[in-house]
Amino acid sequence: MPITATHELTETTPAGPGRVILLNGTSSSGKSTIAEQLMNTLDGAWYLLKIDHFHHIRNRWDWTEEEFLPIFQRTVLGFHRAVAGMASAGNNVVVDHILGERWRLDDCLTVFEDLPVLFVGVRCSLAELERRERERGNRTIGRAALQFPLVHDHGVYDVEVNSEELSPAECAAAVGARLDDGPPTAFAELRASRQPAR
């Protein structure tokens, strides 16, 4: 789009929040490819936010695991708030994420409370995940196996796709069809089922 002139801000208060498509699955499950397909096929303006984009911090190889853990956790919390900020300003967002620990999902349920979130489970067998890790050559071997029993433990989605059985285009089409099929409900169900704070 050519830049022709400067403009005054035309919309100071969004008409409403943008929609959020939250893709959740293990490493190598196919989330990124499905997200790219969605970006190519969804109507209107959409933004793609990936947790991997938030990992480019200044590297210090002498951090211990104990020192790095709170940095990593703050990064994930910041990512959630960046997504919420974009959607709260009226932008539609596709989110590529790994909810491999319960605190990540709990934080999303809190931070995204006023947003329409379509929660998508991206599934794949462990054997296929391990094959993809080996063949791609740029993945940490064993990461998917570590995440596998945790990522879908909450059990509730608006729509689930299997990237082993369906092509990325077919997965994206299933997500798009659910997006057009009424308001999402998974996050409301998950909030209702949360244990009260002790």
Protein backbone atom coordinates (compact mmCIF):
# COMPACT_ATOMS: atom_id res chain seq x y z
CA MET A 1 0.00 0.00 0.00
CA PRO A 2 1.58 3.32 -1.03
CA ILE A 3 2.14 6.00 1.59
CA THR A 4 0.49 9.18 0.35
CA ALA A 5 0.01 11.39 3.39
CA THR A 6 -0.22 11.51 7.15
CA HIS A 7 -3.65 11.04 8.71
CA GLU A 8 -5.39 11.82 11.96
CA LEU A 9 -6.44 8.90 14.12
CA THR A 10 -9.86 7.92 12.78
CA GLU A 11 -10.98 5.49 15.48
CA THR A 12 -10.17 6.19 19.11
CA THR A 13 -12.68 3.71 20.53
CA PRO A 14 -13.05 0.35 18.74
CA ALA A 15 -16.61 -0.75 17.98
CA GLY A 16 -15.77 -3.98 19.77
CA PRO A 17 -12.93 -6.41 20.32
CA GLY A 18 -11.44 -8.36 17.48
CA ARG A 19 -11.79 -12.11 17.22
CA VAL A 20 -9.08 -14.44 18.48
CA ILE A 21 -8.31 -17.87 17.01
CA LEU A 22 -6.10 -19.64 19.56
CA LEU A 23 -4.28 -22.66 18.12
CA ASN A 24 -2.96 -24.98 20.81
CA GLY A 25 -0.81 -28.04 20.21
CA THR A 26 2.59 -29.52 20.85
CA SER A 27 5.76 -28.58 19.06
CA SER A 28 5.70 -30.05 15.52
CA SER A 29 1.93 -30.56 15.58
CA GLY A 30 1.39 -28.33 12.54
CA LYS A 31 0.08 -25.16 14.20
CA SER A 32 2.32 -22.80 12.24
CA THR A 33 1.36 -24.25 8.86
CA ILE A 34 -2.34 -24.15 9.74
CA ALA A 35 -1.94 -20.56 10.95
CA GLU A 36 -0.37 -19.57 7.64
CA GLN A 37 -3.26 -21.20 5.78
CA LEU A 38 -5.72 -19.26 7.92
CA MET A 39 -3.89 -16.03 7.15
CA ASN A 40 -4.26 -16.77 3.44
CA THR A 41 -7.96 -17.65 3.58
CA LEU A 42 -9.73 -15.65 6.32
CA ASP A 43 -11.77 -12.63 5.29
CA GLY A 44 -10.75 -9.20 6.47
CA ALA A 45 -7.61 -8.06 8.26
CA TRP A 46 -5.96 -10.61 10.56
CA TYR A 47 -2.67 -10.62 12.45
CA LEU A 48 -0.56 -13.67 13.30
CA LEU A 49 1.07 -13.71 16.73
CA LYS A 50 3.30 -16.65 17.62
CA ILE A 51 4.85 -17.45 20.98
CA ASP A 52 8.10 -18.21 19.12
CA HIS A 53 8.31 -14.55 18.11
CA PHE A 54 8.63 -13.61 21.77
CA HIS A 55 11.71 -15.73 22.45
CA HIS A 56 14.29 -13.43 20.87
CA ILE A 57 15.76 -11.93 24.02
CA ARG A 58 19.38 -11.06 24.65
CA ASN A 59 21.09 -14.41 25.08
CA ARG A 60 23.12 -15.18 28.15
CA TRP A 61 24.35 -18.71 28.16
CA ASP A 62 25.38 -18.56 31.82
CA TRP A 63 21.82 -18.37 33.16
CA THR A 64 20.91 -21.29 35.35
CA GLU A 65 17.51 -22.91 34.91
CA GLU A 66 16.44 -21.31 38.18
CA GLU A 67 17.47 -17.86 36.93
CA PHE A 68 15.88 -18.29 33.49
CA LEU A 69 12.51 -19.71 34.62
CA PRO A 70 11.00 -16.41 35.85
CA ILE A 71 12.25 -14.66 32.68
CA PHE A 72 10.58 -17.27 30.53
CA GLN A 73 7.36 -17.12 32.53
CA ARG A 74 7.24 -13.31 32.24
CA THR A 75 7.72 -13.70 28.49
CA VAL A 76 4.68 -15.97 28.22
CA LEU A 77 2.60 -13.64 30.40
CA GLY A 78 3.69 -10.70 28.25
CA PHE A 79 2.74 -12.60 25.10
CA HIS A 80 -0.79 -13.15 26.41
CA ARG A 81 -1.13 -9.44 27.16
CA ALA A 82 0.17 -8.49 23.73
CA VAL A 83 -2.51 -10.70 22.15
CA ALA A 84 -5.18 -9.20 24.41
CA GLY A 85 -4.00 -5.68 23.58
CA MET A 86 -4.23 -6.28 19.84
CA ALA A 87 -7.68 -7.85 20.08
CA SER A 88 -8.97 -5.23 22.54
CA ALA A 89 -8.05 -2.54 19.99
CA GLY A 90 -10.39 -4.22 17.50
CA ASN A 91 -7.88 -6.38 15.62
CA ASN A 92 -8.53 -10.00 14.61
CA VAL A 93 -5.70 -12.27 15.73
CA VAL A 94 -4.55 -15.81 14.95
CA VAL A 95 -2.47 -17.08 17.88
CA ASP A 96 0.07 -19.93 17.61
CA HIS A 97 0.71 -21.18 21.15
CA ILE A 98 1.65 -24.16 23.33
CA LEU A 99 -0.38 -24.40 26.54
CA GLY A 100 1.96 -26.98 28.05
CA GLU A 101 1.42 -25.95 31.66
CA ARG A 102 -1.83 -25.22 33.47
CA TRP A 103 -0.79 -21.70 34.53
CA ARG A 104 -0.58 -20.68 30.86
CA LEU A 105 -4.19 -21.65 30.19
CA ASP A 106 -5.35 -20.11 33.48
CA ASP A 107 -3.69 -16.83 32.54
CA CYS A 108 -5.32 -16.87 29.09
CA LEU A 109 -8.72 -17.49 30.68
CA THR A 110 -8.18 -14.40 32.84
CA VAL A 111 -6.51 -12.05 30.36
CA PHE A 112 -8.81 -12.93 27.43
CA GLU A 113 -11.99 -12.75 29.53
CA ASP A 114 -13.70 -10.05 27.45
CA LEU A 115 -12.56 -11.42 24.08
CA PRO A 116 -14.27 -13.84 21.69
CA VAL A 117 -11.72 -16.67 21.63
CA LEU A 118 -12.14 -19.62 19.28
CA PHE A 119 -10.12 -22.33 21.01
CA VAL A 120 -8.61 -24.82 18.53
CA GLY A 121 -6.92 -28.08 19.46
CA VAL A 122 -4.28 -29.19 16.95
CA ARG A 123 -3.71 -32.90 17.47
CA CYS A 124 -1.26 -35.44 16.09
CA SER A 125 -0.05 -38.85 17.25
CA LEU A 126 3.14 -39.01 19.30
CA ALA A 127 4.78 -41.30 16.74
CA GLU A 128 4.18 -38.75 13.99
CA LEU A 129 5.37 -35.88 16.17
CA GLU A 130 8.61 -37.73 16.85
CA ARG A 131 9.05 -38.47 13.14
CA ARG A 132 8.60 -34.79 12.29
CA GLU A 133 11.12 -33.77 14.95
CA ARG A 134 13.74 -36.09 13.46
CA GLU A 135 13.09 -35.12 9.85
CA ARG A 136 12.94 -31.36 10.34
CA GLY A 137 16.34 -31.24 12.00
CA ASN A 138 15.69 -27.89 13.70
CA ARG A 139 13.64 -29.17 16.66
CA THR A 140 14.71 -30.30 20.09
CA ILE A 141 14.30 -34.07 20.08
CA GLY A 142 11.95 -35.15 22.86
CA ARG A 143 10.17 -31.83 23.29
CA ALA A 144 6.92 -33.05 21.73
CA ALA A 145 6.93 -36.18 23.91
CA LEU A 146 7.33 -34.01 26.99
CA GLN A 147 4.45 -31.76 25.97
CA PHE A 148 2.18 -34.51 24.62
CA PRO A 149 0.40 -35.54 27.87
CA LEU A 150 0.00 -31.92 29.03
CA VAL A 151 -1.09 -29.73 26.13
CA HIS A 152 -4.65 -31.08 25.74
CA ASP A 153 -5.17 -32.08 29.37
CA HIS A 154 -8.00 -29.55 29.91
CA GLY A 155 -10.09 -31.43 27.33
CA VAL A 156 -12.38 -28.66 26.00
CA TYR A 157 -12.17 -26.98 22.58
CA ASP A 158 -14.45 -25.20 20.16
CA VAL A 159 -12.98 -27.27 17.34
CA GLU A 160 -10.26 -29.89 17.02
CA VAL A 161 -8.23 -30.82 13.94
CA ASN A 162 -5.81 -33.67 13.35
CA SER A 163 -2.83 -32.58 11.26
CA GLU A 164 -1.84 -36.20 10.67
CA GLU A 165 -5.14 -37.04 9.00
CA LEU A 166 -5.94 -33.70 7.33
CA SER A 167 -3.90 -31.35 5.17
CA PRO A 168 -3.13 -27.86 6.51
CA ALA A 169 -5.71 -26.46 4.09
CA GLU A 170 -8.36 -28.89 5.36
CA CYS A 171 -7.52 -28.04 8.98
CA ALA A 172 -7.80 -24.33 8.24
CA ALA A 173 -11.12 -24.88 6.45
CA ALA A 174 -12.50 -26.69 9.52
CA VAL A 175 -11.41 -23.81 11.75
CA GLY A 176 -12.91 -21.26 9.40
CA ALA A 177 -16.20 -23.17 9.27
CA ARG A 178 -16.43 -23.21 13.07
CA LEU A 179 -15.60 -19.50 13.17
CA ASP A 180 -18.68 -18.85 11.02
CA ASP A 181 -20.88 -21.23 13.02
CA GLY A 182 -21.76 -19.07 16.01
CA PRO A 183 -19.98 -17.71 19.08
CA PRO A 184 -17.23 -19.82 20.68
CA THR A 185 -18.02 -21.46 24.01
CA ALA A 186 -14.92 -23.38 25.13
CA PHE A 187 -13.36 -20.61 27.23
CA ALA A 188 -16.66 -19.98 29.03
CA GLU A 189 -16.90 -23.70 29.83
CA LEU A 190 -13.32 -23.78 31.08
CA ARG A 191 -13.83 -20.73 33.28
CA ALA A 192 -16.97 -22.30 34.77
CA SER A 193 -15.09 -25.50 35.57
CA ARG A 194 -12.09 -23.84 37.24
CA GLN A 195 -11.53 -24.70 40.88
CA PRO A 196 -12.03 -21.73 43.22
CA ALA A 197 -8.83 -20.12 44.50
CA ARG A 198 -7.63 -21.50 47.83
